[in-house]
């Protein structure tokens, strides 16, 4: 039976999604929990690899099981054995050809910046506390300029963990929007909105490069501080050079918001 899980997690204390030797990861914890519950060793495949410290509101995972377990029983059992920072929101049976990563077509990420002078301790793990003066209108203009199909090389980072991560057999699959050859991605929506004391950046696209959202946020902050103009985003894209863009925003403010199939 092919299973599909929706997961939420606090990524603060984990070294990202993908299983790594000697480091706690979301995939590793989920695989261990499935084995404790069912006695079967599986490697659940996620819709994509969130980085160390990044959170998820709706990560999707899929895997095959031989054990005939009722839906609600598996969800309940996994939540009893998983760390409190990882919750299974739903569990369902899906067709044998469903794969959480290969079948994903659109993802939405959200980045949260806390704007007040003092960040409450209970929010500190989930926001980038930044009370510098920012021109929000300019940031909104800059965010809109990445909508469409572009080469996002300027906003991509090399993966420093590749040498320590377990081999990923799906990394070069042409159907995987996060790992297809090249750096061209299509962004369907990109906006910055004020929600109380939060400044929230939401971006929806067919795939994202390593650190792409965090690098975009860092560059939009440069726009907000007046270091560069909104229209400079177009030039930064054209340069196809990481050095042309801004600093990488901290992982703690980033959430995988949703995955569409």
Protein backbone atom coordinates (compact mmCIF):
# COMPACT_ATOMS: atom_id res chain seq x y z
CA UNK A 1 0.00 0.00 0.00
CA UNK A 2 1.32 3.42 -0.95
CA UNK A 3 0.93 6.01 1.80
CA UNK A 4 0.84 9.81 1.72
CA UNK A 5 1.46 11.83 4.89
CA UNK A 6 1.13 15.55 5.49
CA UNK A 7 3.64 16.73 8.09
CA UNK A 8 4.26 19.86 10.10
CA UNK A 9 7.53 20.39 11.93
CA UNK A 10 9.70 22.80 13.85
CA UNK A 11 13.01 22.49 12.04
CA UNK A 12 15.10 24.32 14.64
CA UNK A 13 16.80 21.28 16.14
CA UNK A 14 17.12 19.26 12.93
CA UNK A 15 19.72 19.21 10.16
CA UNK A 16 17.10 19.54 7.46
CA UNK A 17 14.90 16.92 5.81
CA UNK A 18 17.32 14.44 4.28
CA UNK A 19 18.79 11.70 6.42
CA UNK A 20 22.42 12.29 7.42
CA UNK A 21 24.91 10.20 9.40
CA UNK A 22 25.10 11.19 13.09
CA UNK A 23 22.66 14.12 12.71
CA UNK A 24 18.95 14.31 13.56
CA UNK A 25 16.83 14.94 10.45
CA UNK A 26 13.12 14.93 9.70
CA UNK A 27 13.38 12.05 7.23
CA UNK A 28 15.49 10.06 9.67
CA UNK A 29 13.08 10.57 12.56
CA UNK A 30 10.09 9.66 10.39
CA UNK A 31 11.76 6.50 9.04
CA UNK A 32 12.66 5.42 12.58
CA UNK A 33 9.11 6.05 13.80
CA UNK A 34 7.61 4.03 10.94
CA UNK A 35 9.93 1.13 11.76
CA UNK A 36 9.00 1.24 15.46
CA UNK A 37 5.30 1.19 14.63
CA UNK A 38 5.26 -1.32 11.76
CA UNK A 39 8.54 -3.23 11.95
CA UNK A 40 9.23 -2.26 8.31
CA UNK A 41 12.26 -0.29 7.15
CA UNK A 42 11.30 2.33 4.59
CA UNK A 43 12.82 5.63 3.45
CA UNK A 44 9.93 8.10 3.17
CA UNK A 45 10.34 10.47 0.25
CA UNK A 46 9.51 14.14 0.86
CA UNK A 47 8.23 16.70 -1.62
CA UNK A 48 11.60 18.43 -1.28
CA UNK A 49 14.54 18.86 1.06
CA UNK A 50 14.11 21.66 3.57
CA UNK A 51 17.41 22.95 4.96
CA UNK A 52 18.64 22.86 8.54
CA UNK A 53 16.50 25.10 10.73
CA UNK A 54 13.70 25.49 8.17
CA UNK A 55 10.13 24.68 9.24
CA UNK A 56 7.15 23.16 7.45
CA UNK A 57 3.44 23.71 7.75
CA UNK A 58 2.57 21.06 5.16
CA UNK A 59 5.45 18.89 4.00
CA UNK A 60 4.31 15.82 2.05
CA UNK A 61 5.92 12.37 2.35
CA UNK A 62 5.18 9.07 0.60
CA UNK A 63 6.27 5.47 1.14
CA UNK A 64 5.12 1.86 0.68
CA UNK A 65 4.08 -0.44 3.53
CA UNK A 66 3.10 -4.09 3.57
CA UNK A 67 1.36 -3.87 6.94
CA UNK A 68 -2.45 -3.44 6.63
CA UNK A 69 -2.85 -0.56 9.09
CA UNK A 70 -6.02 1.58 9.27
CA UNK A 71 -5.44 5.23 8.32
CA UNK A 72 -6.23 6.76 11.68
CA UNK A 73 -4.20 4.13 13.53
CA UNK A 74 -0.99 4.90 11.65
CA UNK A 75 -1.36 8.63 12.15
CA UNK A 76 -2.05 8.21 15.86
CA UNK A 77 0.78 5.73 16.38
CA UNK A 78 3.34 7.85 14.55
CA UNK A 79 2.44 10.95 16.54
CA UNK A 80 2.90 8.99 19.76
CA UNK A 81 6.44 7.94 18.85
CA UNK A 82 7.71 10.96 16.87
CA UNK A 83 9.45 13.86 18.64
CA UNK A 84 7.01 16.60 19.68
CA UNK A 85 8.55 18.89 17.04
CA UNK A 86 7.17 16.65 14.25
CA UNK A 87 3.45 15.98 13.77
CA UNK A 88 1.57 13.92 11.20
CA UNK A 89 -1.39 16.07 10.18
CA UNK A 90 -3.03 13.47 7.95
CA UNK A 91 -2.48 10.03 6.46
CA UNK A 92 -4.09 8.54 3.36
CA UNK A 93 -3.74 5.74 0.85
CA UNK A 94 -2.75 6.86 -2.66
CA UNK A 95 -2.24 5.22 -6.03
CA UNK A 96 0.94 3.17 -6.52
CA UNK A 97 2.39 5.73 -8.93
CA UNK A 98 2.19 8.65 -6.48
CA UNK A 99 5.56 9.96 -5.34
CA UNK A 100 5.72 12.97 -3.01
CA UNK A 101 8.69 14.44 -4.85
CA UNK A 102 8.23 13.44 -8.47
CA UNK A 103 4.56 14.39 -8.58
CA UNK A 104 4.88 17.80 -6.90
CA UNK A 105 4.09 20.60 -9.33
CA UNK A 106 3.85 23.78 -7.26
CA UNK A 107 5.21 24.83 -3.88
CA UNK A 108 4.61 27.86 -1.72
CA UNK A 109 7.11 29.16 0.83
CA UNK A 110 6.59 31.82 3.47
CA UNK A 111 9.27 33.92 5.17
CA UNK A 112 8.42 35.81 8.37
CA UNK A 113 10.22 38.94 9.60
CA UNK A 114 9.34 40.32 13.03
CA UNK A 115 9.38 44.13 12.98
CA UNK A 116 8.84 45.25 16.57
CA UNK A 117 11.74 46.29 18.80
CA UNK A 118 11.55 43.29 21.14
CA UNK A 119 10.82 39.81 19.78
CA UNK A 120 8.92 37.61 22.25
CA UNK A 121 10.95 34.51 23.21
CA UNK A 122 8.15 32.21 22.05
CA UNK A 123 8.45 33.63 18.51
CA UNK A 124 12.24 33.83 18.28
CA UNK A 125 12.65 30.36 16.74
CA UNK A 126 10.20 31.13 13.94
CA UNK A 127 10.96 34.66 12.73
CA UNK A 128 13.84 36.85 11.66
CA UNK A 129 13.75 39.66 14.22
CA UNK A 130 14.65 42.78 12.25
CA UNK A 131 13.54 46.25 13.34
CA UNK A 132 15.70 48.28 10.95
CA UNK A 133 13.84 51.01 9.05
CA UNK A 134 12.58 49.47 5.80
CA UNK A 135 10.78 50.92 2.80
CA UNK A 136 8.04 48.30 2.46
CA UNK A 137 6.67 49.76 -0.79
CA UNK A 138 10.07 49.35 -2.46
CA UNK A 139 10.34 45.79 -1.20
CA UNK A 140 6.91 44.99 -2.61
CA UNK A 141 7.95 46.38 -6.00
CA UNK A 142 11.11 44.28 -5.96
CA UNK A 143 9.24 41.11 -5.03
CA UNK A 144 6.88 41.49 -7.99
CA UNK A 145 9.80 41.62 -10.46
CA UNK A 146 10.68 37.95 -10.04
CA UNK A 147 7.27 36.73 -11.20
CA UNK A 148 7.56 34.73 -14.41
CA UNK A 149 10.21 32.39 -15.79
CA UNK A 150 13.78 33.39 -14.96
CA UNK A 151 17.25 31.98 -14.50
CA UNK A 152 17.73 32.23 -10.72
CA UNK A 153 21.47 31.48 -10.63
CA UNK A 154 22.08 34.77 -8.80
CA UNK A 155 19.86 33.59 -5.96
CA UNK A 156 21.17 30.01 -5.70
CA UNK A 157 23.80 28.64 -3.33
CA UNK A 158 25.91 25.54 -3.62
CA UNK A 159 24.94 22.83 -1.16
CA UNK A 160 27.63 22.54 1.56
CA UNK A 161 26.06 19.35 2.92
CA UNK A 162 26.29 17.24 -0.24
CA UNK A 163 29.47 15.55 0.96
CA UNK A 164 27.82 14.42 4.22
CA UNK A 165 24.34 13.57 3.00
CA UNK A 166 23.32 10.09 1.99
CA UNK A 167 23.09 9.62 -1.78
CA UNK A 168 19.76 10.81 -3.16
CA UNK A 169 18.63 8.59 -6.05
CA UNK A 170 15.99 11.13 -7.06
CA UNK A 171 18.31 14.15 -7.23
CA UNK A 172 18.56 14.18 -11.02
CA UNK A 173 15.03 13.11 -11.86
CA UNK A 174 13.73 15.42 -14.62
CA UNK A 175 10.23 15.36 -13.13
CA UNK A 176 11.45 16.80 -9.82
CA UNK A 177 10.95 20.58 -10.02
CA UNK A 178 13.51 21.20 -7.26
CA UNK A 179 16.34 19.31 -8.94
CA UNK A 180 15.89 19.59 -12.69
CA UNK A 181 18.97 20.54 -14.70
CA UNK A 182 19.76 24.22 -14.81
CA UNK A 183 18.54 27.17 -12.75
CA UNK A 184 15.40 28.22 -14.62
CA UNK A 185 12.27 28.34 -12.48
CA UNK A 186 8.79 29.79 -12.95
CA UNK A 187 7.37 31.95 -10.16
CA UNK A 188 3.59 32.36 -10.18
CA UNK A 189 3.24 34.73 -7.23
CA UNK A 190 5.64 36.80 -5.13
CA UNK A 191 4.43 39.33 -2.58
CA UNK A 192 5.29 41.01 0.70
CA UNK A 193 2.49 41.86 3.11
CA UNK A 194 2.27 43.36 6.59
CA UNK A 195 0.42 41.25 9.14
CA UNK A 196 0.49 43.01 12.49
CA UNK A 197 4.09 43.04 13.69
CA UNK A 198 5.12 40.59 10.97
CA UNK A 199 6.37 41.30 7.47
CA UNK A 200 5.53 38.17 5.48
CA UNK A 201 7.03 37.23 2.12
CA UNK A 202 5.10 34.55 0.19
CA UNK A 203 6.35 33.00 -3.01
CA UNK A 204 4.68 30.32 -5.15
CA UNK A 205 6.54 28.56 -7.95
CA UNK A 206 7.20 25.32 -9.78
CA UNK A 207 10.51 24.78 -7.99
CA UNK A 208 13.19 26.44 -5.89
CA UNK A 209 16.97 26.30 -5.87
CA UNK A 210 19.10 25.77 -2.76
CA UNK A 211 18.72 28.84 -0.46
CA UNK A 212 16.79 30.62 -3.22
CA UNK A 213 13.98 31.99 -1.03
CA UNK A 214 16.36 33.09 1.73
CA UNK A 215 18.62 34.80 -0.80
CA UNK A 216 15.64 36.59 -2.31
CA UNK A 217 14.59 37.80 1.13
CA UNK A 218 18.10 39.05 1.89
CA UNK A 219 18.11 40.99 -1.37
CA UNK A 220 14.65 42.45 -0.75
CA UNK A 221 15.92 43.66 2.63
CA UNK A 222 18.74 45.46 0.81
CA UNK A 223 16.05 47.14 -1.28
CA UNK A 224 14.11 48.09 1.83
CA UNK A 225 17.19 49.66 3.40
CA UNK A 226 17.84 51.71 0.28
CA UNK A 227 21.10 49.96 -0.62
CA UNK A 228 19.74 49.05 -4.05
CA UNK A 229 16.69 50.12 -6.06
CA UNK A 230 13.72 47.80 -6.75
CA UNK A 231 14.50 47.71 -10.48
CA UNK A 232 18.00 46.41 -9.71
CA UNK A 233 16.42 42.98 -9.20
CA UNK A 234 16.16 42.65 -12.98
CA UNK A 235 19.89 43.35 -13.37
CA UNK A 236 20.77 40.91 -10.58
CA UNK A 237 18.82 38.16 -12.35
CA UNK A 238 20.59 38.97 -15.63
CA UNK A 239 24.07 38.76 -14.07
CA UNK A 240 23.59 35.10 -13.08
CA UNK A 241 26.09 35.54 -10.25
CA UNK A 242 25.50 34.85 -6.58
CA UNK A 243 27.76 37.77 -5.64
CA UNK A 244 25.32 40.18 -7.30
CA UNK A 245 22.52 39.39 -4.82
CA UNK A 246 22.13 40.10 -1.12
CA UNK A 247 23.00 38.09 1.98
CA UNK A 248 21.21 34.87 2.89
CA UNK A 249 18.41 35.46 5.39
CA UNK A 250 18.42 33.17 8.47
CA UNK A 251 16.74 29.78 8.17
CA UNK A 252 14.49 30.27 11.21
CA UNK A 253 12.08 32.57 9.38
CA UNK A 254 11.37 30.16 6.49
CA UNK A 255 8.38 27.80 6.24
CA UNK A 256 7.37 25.34 3.54
CA UNK A 257 3.77 26.52 3.38
CA UNK A 258 2.10 24.14 0.92
CA UNK A 259 2.68 21.62 -1.89
CA UNK A 260 0.34 21.20 -4.85
CA UNK A 261 -0.02 18.11 -7.08
